[in-house]
Amino acid sequence: MKVKFLDLKKQYSLLKNEIDPAVQAVFAEADFIKGAEVKKFEENFAAYCGAGHCISCGNGTDALTTLLKVHDFPSGSEVILPANTFVATAEAVLSNGLKPVFADISEDFTILPESVESLINANTCAIIAVHLYGHPADMDSLKGIAEKYGLRLFEDAAQAHGAAYRGKKAGTLADGAGFSFYPGKVLGAAGDAGAIVLNDEKLAEKSRKFCNHGRTQKYFHEFAGINSRMDTLQAAVLNIKLKHLDEWIAARNAVAKSYIGQLSDVSEIVLPEIHPETSDAWHLFVIKTEKRDELKEYLKSCDIETGIHYPLSLPEQPVFANHIDYCAGYRAVRESHSLLSLPIGEHLSEDEILHVVGKIKSFFCKR
């Protein structure tokens, strides 16, 4: 039995009768940039998140870059972010002329509030909470720290579409959020796409201008911006998929609960936990094991696809080598070599889940 890590072909086949007419309609109108579907998606996604504004853009990296840009932080100011995240979080900081400072992570992979507070100084301007793997960070603690020191708090919600913290959706938990709709996300486009979500009307308007060459109307540019716009085709696909998002999240939660229930007796692995204060999107299901590489190869030999997110923490990456000294003792650094992502998604059948569980148990029983 082959178990796929992600199956976008299957997802498309199930939505083909919805997606194809929507895409054909865009071609019929030939309105490929900032077409009607884009505005529709912005309205739909803002409403879904419970936010005042959604500003679409070209990708998730541009969403975070824009979110920082419109706040006009002094050059060289420090932004605290977790040491375990995709590089785009830190790239957005660097591209604004700001300095990334890496905090350690909690056992649930999200930024550790105590580590954040220990890194704050007079040059700190903001904190970015990454809802890694679709699990919301400890936002109450982070809000308290941000308020105590007069800092901005942002969400990197690139993996957390539909996730919630104490009943509020990701994207509405701080001063603004950046989303990615990369195809592999829980809510993925048919290419690159992203969005900024926030409640402040002035910042929303500034974000919209920045992503469109800093202009308010054609050939009138208020300031220097960037060219980062969501294609109408991507918006059309996202409008279709958004209607299925809650159903997919429910399926992912069912898979996660099944894994946790059936693998809880395997002492050689550490499983993620289900937290009462959060509703996770389960973008990824990540286990910890000292036998990560051996297990990955064994599952590959059994035709089970897995992933590693991420093989190195950011302080271990060459681009951030000057940060490793103060991060050397971090959990994020110690554990980066023991994390393995199992298949998760609405594409999995119960038989496939049982097959994955059985092979994992078989691997550890043989040792």
Protein backbone atom coordinates (compact mmCIF):
# COMPACT_ATOMS: atom_id res chain seq x y z
CA MET A 1 0.00 0.00 0.00
CA LYS A 2 1.43 3.40 -1.00
CA VAL A 3 0.64 6.20 1.45
CA LYS A 4 1.17 9.70 0.07
CA PHE A 5 2.27 12.56 2.29
CA LEU A 6 0.14 14.98 0.28
CA ASP A 7 -2.24 14.23 -2.56
CA LEU A 8 -3.17 17.36 -4.51
CA LYS A 9 -4.18 15.31 -7.54
CA LYS A 10 -6.84 13.56 -5.48
CA GLN A 11 -7.99 16.85 -4.01
CA TYR A 12 -8.34 18.35 -7.48
CA SER A 13 -10.21 15.32 -8.81
CA LEU A 14 -12.81 15.72 -6.04
CA LEU A 15 -13.20 19.46 -6.74
CA LYS A 16 -12.80 19.35 -10.54
CA ASN A 17 -16.48 20.07 -11.22
CA GLU A 18 -16.21 23.22 -9.10
CA ILE A 19 -12.72 24.42 -9.99
CA ASP A 20 -12.81 23.98 -13.78
CA PRO A 21 -15.83 26.27 -14.40
CA ALA A 22 -14.39 28.90 -12.05
CA VAL A 23 -11.06 28.90 -13.87
CA GLN A 24 -12.72 28.92 -17.30
CA ALA A 25 -14.78 31.93 -16.24
CA VAL A 26 -11.59 33.86 -15.48
CA PHE A 27 -10.25 33.08 -18.96
CA ALA A 28 -13.57 34.05 -20.51
CA GLU A 29 -13.36 37.46 -18.83
CA ALA A 30 -9.58 37.71 -19.44
CA ASP A 31 -9.37 39.62 -16.16
CA PHE A 32 -6.21 38.03 -14.83
CA ILE A 33 -4.92 40.67 -12.38
CA LYS A 34 -7.05 42.04 -9.52
CA GLY A 35 -10.21 40.61 -11.07
CA ALA A 36 -13.56 40.19 -9.36
CA GLU A 37 -12.55 36.86 -7.81
CA VAL A 38 -9.73 38.59 -5.93
CA LYS A 39 -12.02 41.06 -4.19
CA LYS A 40 -14.45 38.22 -3.50
CA PHE A 41 -11.73 36.15 -1.86
CA GLU A 42 -10.52 39.06 0.25
CA GLU A 43 -14.04 39.55 1.54
CA ASN A 44 -14.61 35.83 2.06
CA PHE A 45 -11.34 35.21 3.89
CA ALA A 46 -11.69 38.27 6.12
CA ALA A 47 -15.15 37.10 7.08
CA TYR A 48 -13.93 33.55 7.66
CA CYS A 49 -11.17 34.76 10.00
CA GLY A 50 -13.44 37.31 11.68
CA ALA A 51 -11.11 40.14 10.69
CA GLY A 52 -11.79 43.60 9.36
CA HIS A 53 -9.53 43.44 6.32
CA CYS A 54 -7.79 40.94 4.05
CA ILE A 55 -5.27 42.27 1.54
CA SER A 56 -4.22 39.68 -1.00
CA CYS A 57 -0.66 39.52 -2.31
CA GLY A 58 1.70 37.31 -4.28
CA ASN A 59 2.89 34.94 -1.53
CA GLY A 60 3.24 34.45 2.21
CA THR A 61 6.72 35.96 2.38
CA ASP A 62 5.44 39.20 0.85
CA ALA A 63 2.54 39.15 3.32
CA LEU A 64 4.91 39.16 6.31
CA THR A 65 7.24 41.66 4.62
CA THR A 66 4.35 44.03 4.01
CA LEU A 67 3.00 43.64 7.53
CA LEU A 68 6.32 44.78 8.95
CA LYS A 69 6.85 47.46 6.30
CA VAL A 70 3.65 49.39 6.97
CA HIS A 71 4.56 49.81 10.64
CA ASP A 72 7.64 51.91 9.73
CA PHE A 73 9.96 50.47 12.36
CA PRO A 74 13.33 52.24 12.66
CA SER A 75 16.07 50.62 10.60
CA GLY A 76 18.07 48.13 12.61
CA SER A 77 15.33 47.50 15.15
CA GLU A 78 15.08 43.95 16.47
CA VAL A 79 12.23 41.54 15.83
CA ILE A 80 11.99 38.42 17.99
CA LEU A 81 10.86 35.23 16.24
CA PRO A 82 11.17 31.49 16.92
CA ALA A 83 14.34 29.62 16.07
CA ASN A 84 12.32 26.81 14.49
CA THR A 85 10.31 28.08 11.53
CA PHE A 86 10.58 28.37 7.77
CA VAL A 87 13.21 30.86 6.65
CA ALA A 88 10.58 33.22 5.18
CA THR A 89 9.72 34.53 8.66
CA ALA A 90 13.27 35.78 9.10
CA GLU A 91 13.61 36.90 5.47
CA ALA A 92 10.68 39.27 5.97
CA VAL A 93 12.55 40.83 8.89
CA LEU A 94 15.81 41.20 6.96
CA SER A 95 14.12 42.65 3.87
CA ASN A 96 12.80 45.50 6.02
CA GLY A 97 16.27 46.40 7.28
CA LEU A 98 15.46 44.92 10.68
CA LYS A 99 17.41 42.42 12.78
CA PRO A 100 15.99 38.95 13.52
CA VAL A 101 16.55 37.70 17.06
CA PHE A 102 15.76 34.04 17.68
CA ALA A 103 13.84 32.83 20.71
CA ASP A 104 13.62 29.21 21.79
CA ILE A 105 10.51 27.07 21.37
CA SER A 106 8.15 25.28 23.73
CA GLU A 107 7.58 21.55 23.63
CA ASP A 108 4.65 22.21 21.27
CA PHE A 109 7.09 23.79 18.72
CA THR A 110 5.79 27.37 19.15
CA ILE A 111 7.77 30.33 20.45
CA LEU A 112 8.54 30.19 24.18
CA PRO A 113 7.27 33.32 25.98
CA GLU A 114 9.98 33.16 28.67
CA SER A 115 12.67 33.09 26.00
CA VAL A 116 11.04 36.04 24.23
CA GLU A 117 11.04 38.17 27.37
CA SER A 118 14.69 37.38 28.09
CA LEU A 119 15.70 38.78 24.68
CA ILE A 120 13.87 42.12 24.85
CA ASN A 121 15.95 45.27 24.98
CA ALA A 122 15.62 48.96 24.09
CA ASN A 123 16.04 48.14 20.39
CA THR A 124 13.24 45.55 20.22
CA CYS A 125 10.22 46.63 18.17
CA ALA A 126 8.12 43.52 17.58
CA ILE A 127 7.47 39.83 18.19
CA ILE A 128 6.38 37.36 15.52
CA ALA A 129 4.45 34.35 16.81
CA VAL A 130 4.54 31.48 14.32
CA HIS A 131 1.62 29.06 14.57
CA LEU A 132 3.92 26.26 13.49
CA TYR A 133 2.40 23.12 11.98
CA GLY A 134 -1.05 24.67 12.44
CA HIS A 135 -0.86 24.90 16.26
CA PRO A 136 -1.49 28.40 17.67
CA ALA A 137 1.19 29.86 19.92
CA ASP A 138 0.57 30.89 23.54
CA MET A 139 -0.98 34.20 22.52
CA ASP A 140 -2.18 35.31 25.97
CA SER A 141 1.34 35.17 27.38
CA LEU A 142 2.81 36.83 24.30
CA LYS A 143 0.20 39.60 24.38
CA GLY A 144 1.04 40.26 28.01
CA ILE A 145 4.73 40.58 27.16
CA ALA A 146 4.05 42.82 24.14
CA GLU A 147 1.85 45.12 26.21
CA LYS A 148 4.34 45.21 29.09
CA TYR A 149 7.15 46.42 26.83
CA GLY A 150 5.13 48.41 24.28
CA LEU A 151 5.86 46.07 21.37
CA ARG A 152 3.90 45.01 18.31
CA LEU A 153 2.83 41.38 18.12
CA PHE A 154 2.30 39.70 14.74
CA GLU A 155 1.16 36.26 13.62
CA ASP A 156 2.89 34.17 11.01
CA ALA A 157 -0.21 32.14 10.19
CA ALA A 158 1.17 30.58 7.01
CA GLN A 159 0.38 27.09 8.34
CA ALA A 160 -2.67 27.91 10.45
CA HIS A 161 -5.64 28.56 8.17
CA GLY A 162 -8.74 27.90 10.27
CA ALA A 163 -6.86 27.25 13.50
CA ALA A 164 -8.19 28.97 16.61
CA TYR A 165 -7.00 30.04 20.05
CA ARG A 166 -9.59 30.34 22.82
CA GLY A 167 -12.34 30.56 20.21
CA LYS A 168 -10.70 33.22 18.00
CA LYS A 169 -9.36 32.35 14.56
CA ALA A 170 -5.72 32.69 13.62
CA GLY A 171 -5.29 36.03 11.91
CA THR A 172 -7.22 37.93 14.60
CA LEU A 173 -5.02 37.19 17.62
CA ALA A 174 -2.54 40.07 17.39
CA ASP A 175 -1.75 43.32 15.53
CA GLY A 176 -1.86 41.61 12.14
CA ALA A 177 -1.11 38.33 10.40
CA GLY A 178 0.51 36.98 7.28
CA PHE A 179 -0.92 33.96 5.45
CA SER A 180 0.52 31.79 2.69
CA PHE A 181 -1.61 29.87 0.20
CA TYR A 182 1.23 27.80 -1.21
CA PRO A 183 -0.33 24.68 -2.78
CA GLY A 184 0.73 22.37 0.05
CA LYS A 185 -1.03 24.39 2.75
CA VAL A 186 -4.33 23.30 4.32
CA LEU A 187 -5.86 26.07 2.18
CA GLY A 188 -3.66 26.07 -0.91
CA ALA A 189 -3.89 27.81 -4.26
CA ALA A 190 -2.78 26.41 -7.63
CA GLY A 191 0.45 28.38 -7.33
CA ASP A 192 1.88 31.08 -5.08
CA ALA A 193 -0.47 33.44 -3.23
CA GLY A 194 -0.65 35.17 0.14
CA ALA A 195 -2.59 37.64 2.25
CA ILE A 196 -2.26 40.17 5.05
CA VAL A 197 -5.07 40.07 7.60
CA LEU A 198 -5.63 42.88 10.11
CA ASN A 199 -8.25 45.15 11.64
CA ASP A 200 -6.64 48.61 11.37
CA GLU A 201 -8.20 50.38 8.37
CA LYS A 202 -5.30 52.78 7.77
CA LEU A 203 -2.73 49.99 7.86
CA ALA A 204 -4.91 47.91 5.58
CA GLU A 205 -5.04 50.69 3.02
CA LYS A 206 -1.28 51.25 3.31
CA SER A 207 -0.69 47.52 2.82
CA ARG A 208 -2.88 47.48 -0.26
CA LYS A 209 -0.93 50.37 -1.76
CA PHE A 210 2.45 48.89 -0.89
CA CYS A 211 1.66 45.61 -2.63
CA ASN A 212 0.60 47.49 -5.76
CA HIS A 213 3.59 49.76 -6.43
CA GLY A 214 2.55 52.24 -3.74
CA ARG A 215 -0.24 53.58 -5.90
CA THR A 216 -3.74 54.79 -5.23
CA GLN A 217 -4.74 54.86 -8.90
CA LYS A 218 -3.14 54.01 -12.21
CA TYR A 219 0.13 55.88 -12.73
CA PHE A 220 -0.17 57.77 -9.42
CA HIS A 221 2.31 56.46 -6.86
CA GLU A 222 2.26 57.77 -3.29
CA PHE A 223 5.41 55.91 -2.24
CA ALA A 224 7.73 53.14 -3.45
CA GLY A 225 6.07 49.77 -3.07
CA ILE A 226 6.41 46.30 -4.55
CA ASN A 227 4.63 44.30 -7.21
CA SER A 228 2.87 41.59 -5.21
CA ARG A 229 -0.67 40.82 -6.35
CA MET A 230 -2.76 37.68 -6.20
CA ASP A 231 -3.65 36.39 -9.65
CA THR A 232 -7.38 36.19 -10.35
CA LEU A 233 -6.94 32.50 -11.20
CA GLN A 234 -5.52 31.81 -7.74
CA ALA A 235 -8.37 33.69 -6.09
CA ALA A 236 -10.92 31.69 -8.07
CA VAL A 237 -9.38 28.43 -6.85
CA LEU A 238 -9.17 29.68 -3.27
CA ASN A 239 -12.80 30.76 -3.25
CA ILE A 240 -13.77 27.18 -4.11
CA LYS A 241 -11.43 25.58 -1.60
CA LEU A 242 -12.36 27.93 1.24
CA LYS A 243 -15.84 26.40 1.26
CA HIS A 244 -14.26 23.02 2.09
CA LEU A 245 -11.69 24.23 4.63
CA ASP A 246 -13.59 23.38 7.82
CA GLU A 247 -14.36 19.91 6.46
CA TRP A 248 -10.66 19.35 5.71
CA ILE A 249 -9.59 20.60 9.13
CA ALA A 250 -12.06 18.23 10.77
CA ALA A 251 -10.56 15.37 8.74
CA ARG A 252 -7.04 16.36 9.79
CA ASN A 253 -8.09 16.45 13.43
CA ALA A 254 -9.54 12.96 13.07
CA VAL A 255 -6.25 11.68 11.62
CA ALA A 256 -4.26 13.37 14.40
CA LYS A 257 -6.46 11.87 17.12
CA SER A 258 -6.13 8.44 15.51
CA TYR A 259 -2.31 8.68 15.40
CA ILE A 260 -2.15 9.88 19.01
CA GLY A 261 -4.50 7.18 20.24
CA GLN A 262 -2.77 4.34 18.44
CA LEU A 263 0.86 5.38 18.89
CA SER A 264 0.67 6.43 22.54
CA ASP A 265 2.20 3.13 23.68
CA VAL A 266 5.36 3.56 21.58
CA SER A 267 7.85 4.86 24.13
CA GLU A 268 10.54 5.69 21.54
CA ILE A 269 8.53 8.54 20.02
CA VAL A 270 7.11 11.76 21.44
CA LEU A 271 3.72 12.69 20.01
CA PRO A 272 2.19 16.15 19.69
CA GLU A 273 -0.53 16.91 22.20
CA ILE A 274 -4.09 18.13 21.78
CA HIS A 275 -4.49 21.35 23.77
CA PRO A 276 -7.86 22.38 25.22
CA GLU A 277 -7.34 26.08 24.50
CA THR A 278 -6.61 25.61 20.80
CA SER A 279 -8.30 24.20 17.74
CA ASP A 280 -5.44 23.08 15.52
CA ALA A 281 -5.37 23.06 11.74
CA TRP A 282 -2.84 20.18 11.77
CA HIS A 283 -0.98 21.40 8.71
CA LEU A 284 1.64 18.86 9.79
CA PHE A 285 1.73 16.00 12.29
CA VAL A 286 5.25 16.01 13.69
CA ILE A 287 6.72 13.37 15.99
CA LYS A 288 10.07 13.32 17.79
CA THR A 289 12.34 10.31 17.79
CA GLU A 290 16.08 9.76 18.18
CA LYS A 291 15.75 7.20 15.38
CA ARG A 292 14.32 9.77 12.95
CA ASP A 293 16.51 9.02 9.95
CA GLU A 294 16.28 5.24 10.34
CA LEU A 295 12.49 5.40 10.76
CA LYS A 296 12.15 7.65 7.72
CA GLU A 297 14.13 5.22 5.56
CA TYR A 298 12.16 2.25 6.86
CA LEU A 299 8.82 3.92 6.10
CA LYS A 300 10.12 4.85 2.65
CA SER A 301 10.93 1.19 2.05
CA CYS A 302 7.30 0.47 2.99
CA ASP A 303 6.08 3.02 0.39
CA ILE A 304 5.03 5.51 3.09
CA GLU A 305 5.96 9.12 2.38
CA THR A 306 7.15 11.33 5.25
CA GLY A 307 8.75 14.76 5.54
CA ILE A 308 11.29 16.67 7.60
CA HIS A 309 10.26 20.19 8.64
CA TYR A 310 12.85 21.51 9.10
CA PRO A 311 16.24 19.68 8.93
CA LEU A 312 18.02 22.65 10.51
CA SER A 313 16.83 25.32 12.89
CA LEU A 314 17.38 28.87 11.60
CA PRO A 315 20.46 29.57 13.80
CA GLU A 316 22.08 26.51 12.18
CA GLN A 317 21.57 27.88 8.67
CA PRO A 318 24.67 29.50 7.12
CA VAL A 319 22.85 32.80 6.61
CA PHE A 320 22.28 33.11 10.38
CA ALA A 321 25.55 31.57 11.59
CA ASN A 322 26.32 34.65 13.70
CA HIS A 323 23.30 33.80 15.88
CA ILE A 324 24.31 30.28 16.85
CA ASP A 325 26.31 31.23 19.96
CA TYR A 326 23.34 32.42 21.98
CA CYS A 327 21.06 29.74 20.49
CA ALA A 328 23.35 26.73 20.95
CA GLY A 329 21.50 25.41 24.00
CA TYR A 330 18.02 25.89 22.54
CA ARG A 331 15.47 23.10 22.35
CA ALA A 332 14.94 24.23 18.74
CA VAL A 333 18.56 23.38 17.93
CA ARG A 334 18.68 20.14 19.93
CA GLU A 335 15.47 18.74 18.48
CA SER A 336 15.79 19.80 14.85
CA HIS A 337 17.48 16.47 14.08
CA SER A 338 14.74 14.35 15.66
CA LEU A 339 11.56 15.67 13.99
CA LEU A 340 9.60 13.65 11.45
CA SER A 341 6.33 14.62 9.75
CA LEU A 342 3.87 11.79 9.15
CA PRO A 343 1.25 11.85 6.38
CA ILE A 344 -1.83 13.85 7.37
CA GLY A 345 -4.74 15.22 5.41
CA GLU A 346 -8.23 14.62 4.17
CA HIS A 347 -6.83 12.28 1.49
CA LEU A 348 -6.00 9.54 4.01
CA SER A 349 -8.28 6.56 4.49
CA GLU A 350 -8.63 4.67 7.76
CA ASP A 351 -6.76 1.74 6.19
CA GLU A 352 -3.86 4.01 5.28
CA ILE A 353 -3.69 5.41 8.81
CA LEU A 354 -3.68 1.88 10.25
CA HIS A 355 -0.95 0.93 7.77
CA VAL A 356 1.27 3.84 8.88
CA VAL A 357 0.70 3.05 12.55
CA GLY A 358 1.40 -0.63 12.00
CA LYS A 359 4.67 -0.01 10.19
CA ILE A 360 5.88 2.44 12.87
CA LYS A 361 5.16 -0.12 15.59
CA SER A 362 6.82 -2.81 13.53
CA PHE A 363 9.96 -0.68 13.17
CA PHE A 364 10.37 -0.17 16.91
CA CYS A 365 9.44 -3.74 17.81
CA LYS A 366 12.23 -5.07 15.60
CA ARG A 367 14.90 -3.00 17.31
